[in-house]
Amino acid sequence: MPLLINQLKESRSEKILQRLGARFEKYDLVIADELVYISFDKEGSELLFTHLSLRAGRKSTIITTILSFERWDEIFLDSVMTAFPCLMASILILPTI
């Protein structure tokens, strides 16, 4: 996940974010495992959230985390983004123990 965040940031700064997004869309399934153990800044969290939510309804995404959905603002650092579950409606969330 840290590598993906870095690629998203670099792509944004090089103005090739759309190209990376198109490559990201080619994957039928994306698995983001244990998001709670990875910390990233606000820019990285916004980029990741945007790319994951853009897949909604088109491609499959699995996210595993020990946090309940109500606490996702701790991961994505923005309670407004995570306040709309409809953005994440087609993402399978698997709580881990």
N, C-alpha and C. Protein backbone atom coordinates (compact mmCIF):
# COMPACT_ATOMS: atom_id res chain seq x y z
N MET A 1 0.82 -1.19 0.00
CA MET A 1 0.00 0.00 0.00
C MET A 1 0.87 1.26 0.00
N PRO A 2 1.96 1.32 0.79
CA PRO A 2 2.78 2.53 0.74
C PRO A 2 3.32 2.81 -0.66
N LEU A 3 3.66 1.76 -1.39
CA LEU A 3 4.15 1.94 -2.76
C LEU A 3 3.07 2.56 -3.64
N LEU A 4 1.84 2.09 -3.52
CA LEU A 4 0.73 2.66 -4.29
C LEU A 4 0.52 4.13 -3.95
N ILE A 5 0.55 4.46 -2.66
CA ILE A 5 0.39 5.86 -2.24
C ILE A 5 1.49 6.72 -2.86
N ASN A 6 2.72 6.25 -2.82
CA ASN A 6 3.83 7.01 -3.41
C ASN A 6 3.64 7.17 -4.91
N GLN A 7 3.20 6.12 -5.59
CA GLN A 7 2.96 6.22 -7.04
C GLN A 7 1.85 7.23 -7.34
N LEU A 8 0.80 7.24 -6.54
CA LEU A 8 -0.29 8.19 -6.74
C LEU A 8 0.21 9.62 -6.56
N LYS A 9 1.01 9.85 -5.52
CA LYS A 9 1.54 11.19 -5.27
C LYS A 9 2.48 11.64 -6.39
N GLU A 10 3.37 10.76 -6.80
CA GLU A 10 4.30 11.10 -7.87
C GLU A 10 3.56 11.36 -9.17
N SER A 11 2.54 10.56 -9.44
CA SER A 11 1.76 10.75 -10.66
C SER A 11 1.03 12.09 -10.64
N ARG A 12 0.53 12.46 -9.47
CA ARG A 12 -0.15 13.76 -9.36
C ARG A 12 0.84 14.89 -9.63
N SER A 13 2.01 14.79 -9.06
CA SER A 13 2.99 15.86 -9.23
C SER A 13 3.53 15.92 -10.66
N GLU A 14 3.55 14.78 -11.35
CA GLU A 14 4.01 14.74 -12.73
C GLU A 14 2.87 14.88 -13.73
N LYS A 15 1.66 15.10 -13.21
CA LYS A 15 0.46 15.30 -14.02
C LYS A 15 0.16 14.11 -14.94
N ILE A 16 0.42 12.92 -14.42
CA ILE A 16 0.10 11.70 -15.16
C ILE A 16 -0.81 10.80 -14.33
N LEU A 17 -1.55 11.41 -13.41
CA LEU A 17 -2.42 10.66 -12.50
C LEU A 17 -3.47 9.87 -13.26
N GLN A 18 -4.00 10.44 -14.34
CA GLN A 18 -5.02 9.73 -15.12
C GLN A 18 -4.46 8.43 -15.70
N ARG A 19 -3.22 8.45 -16.14
CA ARG A 19 -2.60 7.25 -16.70
C ARG A 19 -2.47 6.16 -15.64
N LEU A 20 -2.06 6.55 -14.43
CA LEU A 20 -1.97 5.57 -13.34
C LEU A 20 -3.35 5.05 -12.98
N GLY A 21 -4.35 5.94 -12.98
CA GLY A 21 -5.72 5.53 -12.70
C GLY A 21 -6.22 4.52 -13.71
N ALA A 22 -5.89 4.71 -14.98
CA ALA A 22 -6.30 3.77 -16.02
C ALA A 22 -5.63 2.42 -15.81
N ARG A 23 -4.39 2.44 -15.40
CA ARG A 23 -3.68 1.18 -15.14
C ARG A 23 -4.30 0.48 -13.92
N PHE A 24 -4.64 1.24 -12.90
CA PHE A 24 -5.28 0.73 -11.69
C PHE A 24 -6.63 0.10 -12.02
N GLU A 25 -7.34 0.66 -12.98
CA GLU A 25 -8.66 0.16 -13.39
C GLU A 25 -8.58 -1.19 -14.09
N LYS A 26 -7.45 -1.55 -14.63
CA LYS A 26 -7.31 -2.82 -15.35
C LYS A 26 -7.42 -4.03 -14.44
N TYR A 27 -7.15 -3.83 -13.16
CA TYR A 27 -7.21 -4.95 -12.22
C TYR A 27 -8.67 -5.27 -11.90
N ASP A 28 -9.04 -6.53 -12.05
CA ASP A 28 -10.41 -6.95 -11.72
C ASP A 28 -10.65 -6.93 -10.22
N LEU A 29 -9.61 -7.14 -9.45
CA LEU A 29 -9.72 -7.17 -8.00
C LEU A 29 -8.52 -6.47 -7.38
N VAL A 30 -8.81 -5.57 -6.45
CA VAL A 30 -7.77 -4.92 -5.66
C VAL A 30 -8.03 -5.26 -4.20
N ILE A 31 -6.99 -5.71 -3.51
CA ILE A 31 -7.11 -6.03 -2.09
C ILE A 31 -6.21 -5.08 -1.31
N ALA A 32 -6.83 -4.33 -0.41
CA ALA A 32 -6.09 -3.45 0.49
C ALA A 32 -6.13 -4.11 1.86
N ASP A 33 -5.03 -4.71 2.24
CA ASP A 33 -4.98 -5.52 3.46
C ASP A 33 -4.47 -4.71 4.64
N GLU A 34 -5.23 -4.77 5.74
CA GLU A 34 -4.85 -4.16 7.02
C GLU A 34 -4.50 -2.67 6.90
N LEU A 35 -5.43 -1.89 6.39
CA LEU A 35 -5.19 -0.46 6.23
C LEU A 35 -4.82 0.25 7.52
N VAL A 36 -5.30 -0.23 8.63
CA VAL A 36 -5.06 0.46 9.90
C VAL A 36 -3.58 0.49 10.28
N TYR A 37 -2.78 -0.44 9.79
CA TYR A 37 -1.38 -0.50 10.16
C TYR A 37 -0.49 0.37 9.28
N ILE A 38 -1.08 1.02 8.31
CA ILE A 38 -0.32 1.87 7.40
C ILE A 38 -0.75 3.30 7.62
N SER A 39 0.20 4.17 7.85
CA SER A 39 -0.16 5.57 8.01
C SER A 39 0.31 6.35 6.78
N PHE A 40 -0.53 7.27 6.38
CA PHE A 40 -0.16 8.14 5.27
C PHE A 40 -0.77 9.52 5.50
N ASP A 41 -0.24 10.51 4.83
CA ASP A 41 -0.70 11.88 5.04
C ASP A 41 -2.03 12.14 4.35
N LYS A 42 -2.55 13.34 4.54
CA LYS A 42 -3.86 13.70 4.01
C LYS A 42 -3.91 13.57 2.48
N GLU A 43 -2.88 14.02 1.79
CA GLU A 43 -2.86 13.92 0.33
C GLU A 43 -2.92 12.46 -0.11
N GLY A 44 -2.11 11.61 0.53
CA GLY A 44 -2.11 10.19 0.19
C GLY A 44 -3.45 9.53 0.47
N SER A 45 -4.06 9.89 1.60
CA SER A 45 -5.35 9.30 1.93
C SER A 45 -6.43 9.74 0.95
N GLU A 46 -6.41 11.00 0.53
CA GLU A 46 -7.39 11.48 -0.45
C GLU A 46 -7.22 10.79 -1.80
N LEU A 47 -5.99 10.63 -2.23
CA LEU A 47 -5.73 9.95 -3.50
C LEU A 47 -6.18 8.49 -3.45
N LEU A 48 -5.85 7.80 -2.37
CA LEU A 48 -6.24 6.40 -2.23
C LEU A 48 -7.76 6.27 -2.18
N PHE A 49 -8.41 7.08 -1.37
CA PHE A 49 -9.87 7.02 -1.26
C PHE A 49 -10.52 7.28 -2.62
N THR A 50 -10.04 8.28 -3.32
CA THR A 50 -10.59 8.60 -4.64
C THR A 50 -10.45 7.43 -5.59
N HIS A 51 -9.26 6.84 -5.65
CA HIS A 51 -9.05 5.72 -6.57
C HIS A 51 -9.88 4.50 -6.19
N LEU A 52 -10.02 4.24 -4.91
CA LEU A 52 -10.85 3.11 -4.50
C LEU A 52 -12.33 3.37 -4.79
N SER A 53 -12.80 4.58 -4.52
CA SER A 53 -14.22 4.88 -4.74
C SER A 53 -14.56 4.95 -6.22
N LEU A 54 -13.60 5.32 -7.08
CA LEU A 54 -13.86 5.34 -8.52
C LEU A 54 -14.08 3.94 -9.08
N ARG A 55 -13.57 2.93 -8.40
CA ARG A 55 -13.77 1.55 -8.83
C ARG A 55 -15.17 1.05 -8.51
N ALA A 56 -15.85 1.73 -7.57
CA ALA A 56 -17.16 1.28 -7.09
C ALA A 56 -18.12 1.07 -8.25
N GLY A 57 -18.72 -0.11 -8.27
CA GLY A 57 -19.70 -0.44 -9.30
C GLY A 57 -19.11 -0.96 -10.59
N ARG A 58 -17.78 -0.89 -10.72
CA ARG A 58 -17.14 -1.35 -11.96
C ARG A 58 -16.18 -2.51 -11.74
N LYS A 59 -15.42 -2.43 -10.67
CA LYS A 59 -14.43 -3.46 -10.37
C LYS A 59 -14.54 -3.84 -8.90
N SER A 60 -13.95 -4.96 -8.54
CA SER A 60 -14.04 -5.45 -7.16
C SER A 60 -12.88 -4.93 -6.32
N THR A 61 -13.21 -4.60 -5.08
CA THR A 61 -12.20 -4.14 -4.12
C THR A 61 -12.51 -4.77 -2.77
N ILE A 62 -11.48 -5.28 -2.13
CA ILE A 62 -11.61 -5.86 -0.79
C ILE A 62 -10.68 -5.08 0.12
N ILE A 63 -11.23 -4.62 1.24
CA ILE A 63 -10.44 -3.91 2.24
C ILE A 63 -10.55 -4.68 3.55
N THR A 64 -9.41 -4.99 4.15
CA THR A 64 -9.44 -5.61 5.47
C THR A 64 -8.88 -4.60 6.47
N THR A 65 -9.52 -4.54 7.63
CA THR A 65 -9.08 -3.64 8.69
C THR A 65 -9.71 -4.07 10.01
N ILE A 66 -9.07 -3.71 11.09
CA ILE A 66 -9.64 -4.01 12.40
C ILE A 66 -10.60 -2.90 12.83
N LEU A 67 -10.65 -1.80 12.10
CA LEU A 67 -11.52 -0.68 12.46
C LEU A 67 -12.91 -0.85 11.86
N SER A 68 -13.91 -0.47 12.63
CA SER A 68 -15.27 -0.44 12.08
C SER A 68 -15.36 0.71 11.09
N PHE A 69 -16.36 0.66 10.21
CA PHE A 69 -16.51 1.70 9.20
C PHE A 69 -16.62 3.09 9.83
N GLU A 70 -17.26 3.18 10.99
CA GLU A 70 -17.43 4.46 11.68
C GLU A 70 -16.09 5.10 12.05
N ARG A 71 -15.04 4.31 12.13
CA ARG A 71 -13.71 4.83 12.52
C ARG A 71 -12.77 5.01 11.33
N TRP A 72 -13.30 4.92 10.11
CA TRP A 72 -12.44 5.03 8.94
C TRP A 72 -11.83 6.41 8.76
N ASP A 73 -12.39 7.41 9.43
CA ASP A 73 -11.77 8.73 9.35
C ASP A 73 -10.37 8.71 9.99
N GLU A 74 -10.08 7.70 10.82
CA GLU A 74 -8.74 7.54 11.38
C GLU A 74 -7.76 7.07 10.31
N ILE A 75 -8.24 6.37 9.30
CA ILE A 75 -7.39 5.91 8.21
C ILE A 75 -7.28 6.99 7.14
N PHE A 76 -8.44 7.50 6.72
CA PHE A 76 -8.46 8.44 5.60
C PHE A 76 -8.37 9.90 6.03
N LEU A 77 -8.28 10.16 7.34
CA LEU A 77 -8.04 11.49 7.88
C LEU A 77 -9.05 12.54 7.46
N ASP A 78 -10.25 12.10 7.14
CA ASP A 78 -11.28 13.05 6.72
C ASP A 78 -12.65 12.44 7.00
N SER A 79 -13.34 12.98 7.98
CA SER A 79 -14.64 12.43 8.34
C SER A 79 -15.70 12.69 7.28
N VAL A 80 -15.51 13.72 6.45
CA VAL A 80 -16.47 14.01 5.39
C VAL A 80 -16.42 12.93 4.31
N MET A 81 -15.22 12.53 3.90
CA MET A 81 -15.09 11.49 2.87
C MET A 81 -15.72 10.19 3.31
N THR A 82 -15.50 9.82 4.54
CA THR A 82 -15.96 8.52 5.02
C THR A 82 -17.38 8.57 5.57
N ALA A 83 -18.01 9.72 5.54
CA ALA A 83 -19.39 9.86 6.04
C ALA A 83 -20.41 9.39 5.02
N PHE A 84 -19.98 9.11 3.81
CA PHE A 84 -20.90 8.71 2.75
C PHE A 84 -20.66 7.27 2.34
N PRO A 85 -21.29 6.31 3.05
CA PRO A 85 -21.07 4.90 2.73
C PRO A 85 -21.45 4.56 1.29
N CYS A 86 -22.31 5.37 0.66
CA CYS A 86 -22.69 5.07 -0.72
C CYS A 86 -21.49 5.10 -1.65
N LEU A 87 -20.48 5.89 -1.32
CA LEU A 87 -19.27 5.92 -2.14
C LEU A 87 -18.54 4.59 -2.08
N MET A 88 -18.70 3.89 -0.97
CA MET A 88 -18.00 2.63 -0.78
C MET A 88 -18.94 1.44 -0.88
N ALA A 89 -20.12 1.64 -1.43
CA ALA A 89 -21.18 0.63 -1.41
C ALA A 89 -20.76 -0.69 -2.02
N SER A 90 -19.95 -0.68 -3.07
CA SER A 90 -19.63 -1.95 -3.71
C SER A 90 -18.26 -2.48 -3.28
N ILE A 91 -17.72 -1.92 -2.22
CA ILE A 91 -16.46 -2.41 -1.70
C ILE A 91 -16.75 -3.37 -0.55
N LEU A 92 -16.17 -4.55 -0.63
CA LEU A 92 -16.34 -5.54 0.43
C LEU A 92 -15.39 -5.23 1.57
N ILE A 93 -15.92 -5.07 2.75
CA ILE A 93 -15.12 -4.74 3.91
C ILE A 93 -15.09 -5.96 4.83
N LEU A 94 -13.89 -6.48 5.06
CA LEU A 94 -13.73 -7.65 5.90
C LEU A 94 -13.04 -7.25 7.20
N PRO A 95 -13.79 -7.22 8.31
CA PRO A 95 -13.12 -6.91 9.58
C PRO A 95 -12.21 -8.05 9.98
N THR A 96 -11.04 -7.71 10.49
CA THR A 96 -10.11 -8.73 10.94
C THR A 96 -10.04 -8.70 12.46
N ILE A 97 -9.65 -9.80 13.03
CA ILE A 97 -9.60 -9.90 14.49
C ILE A 97 -8.15 -10.00 14.93
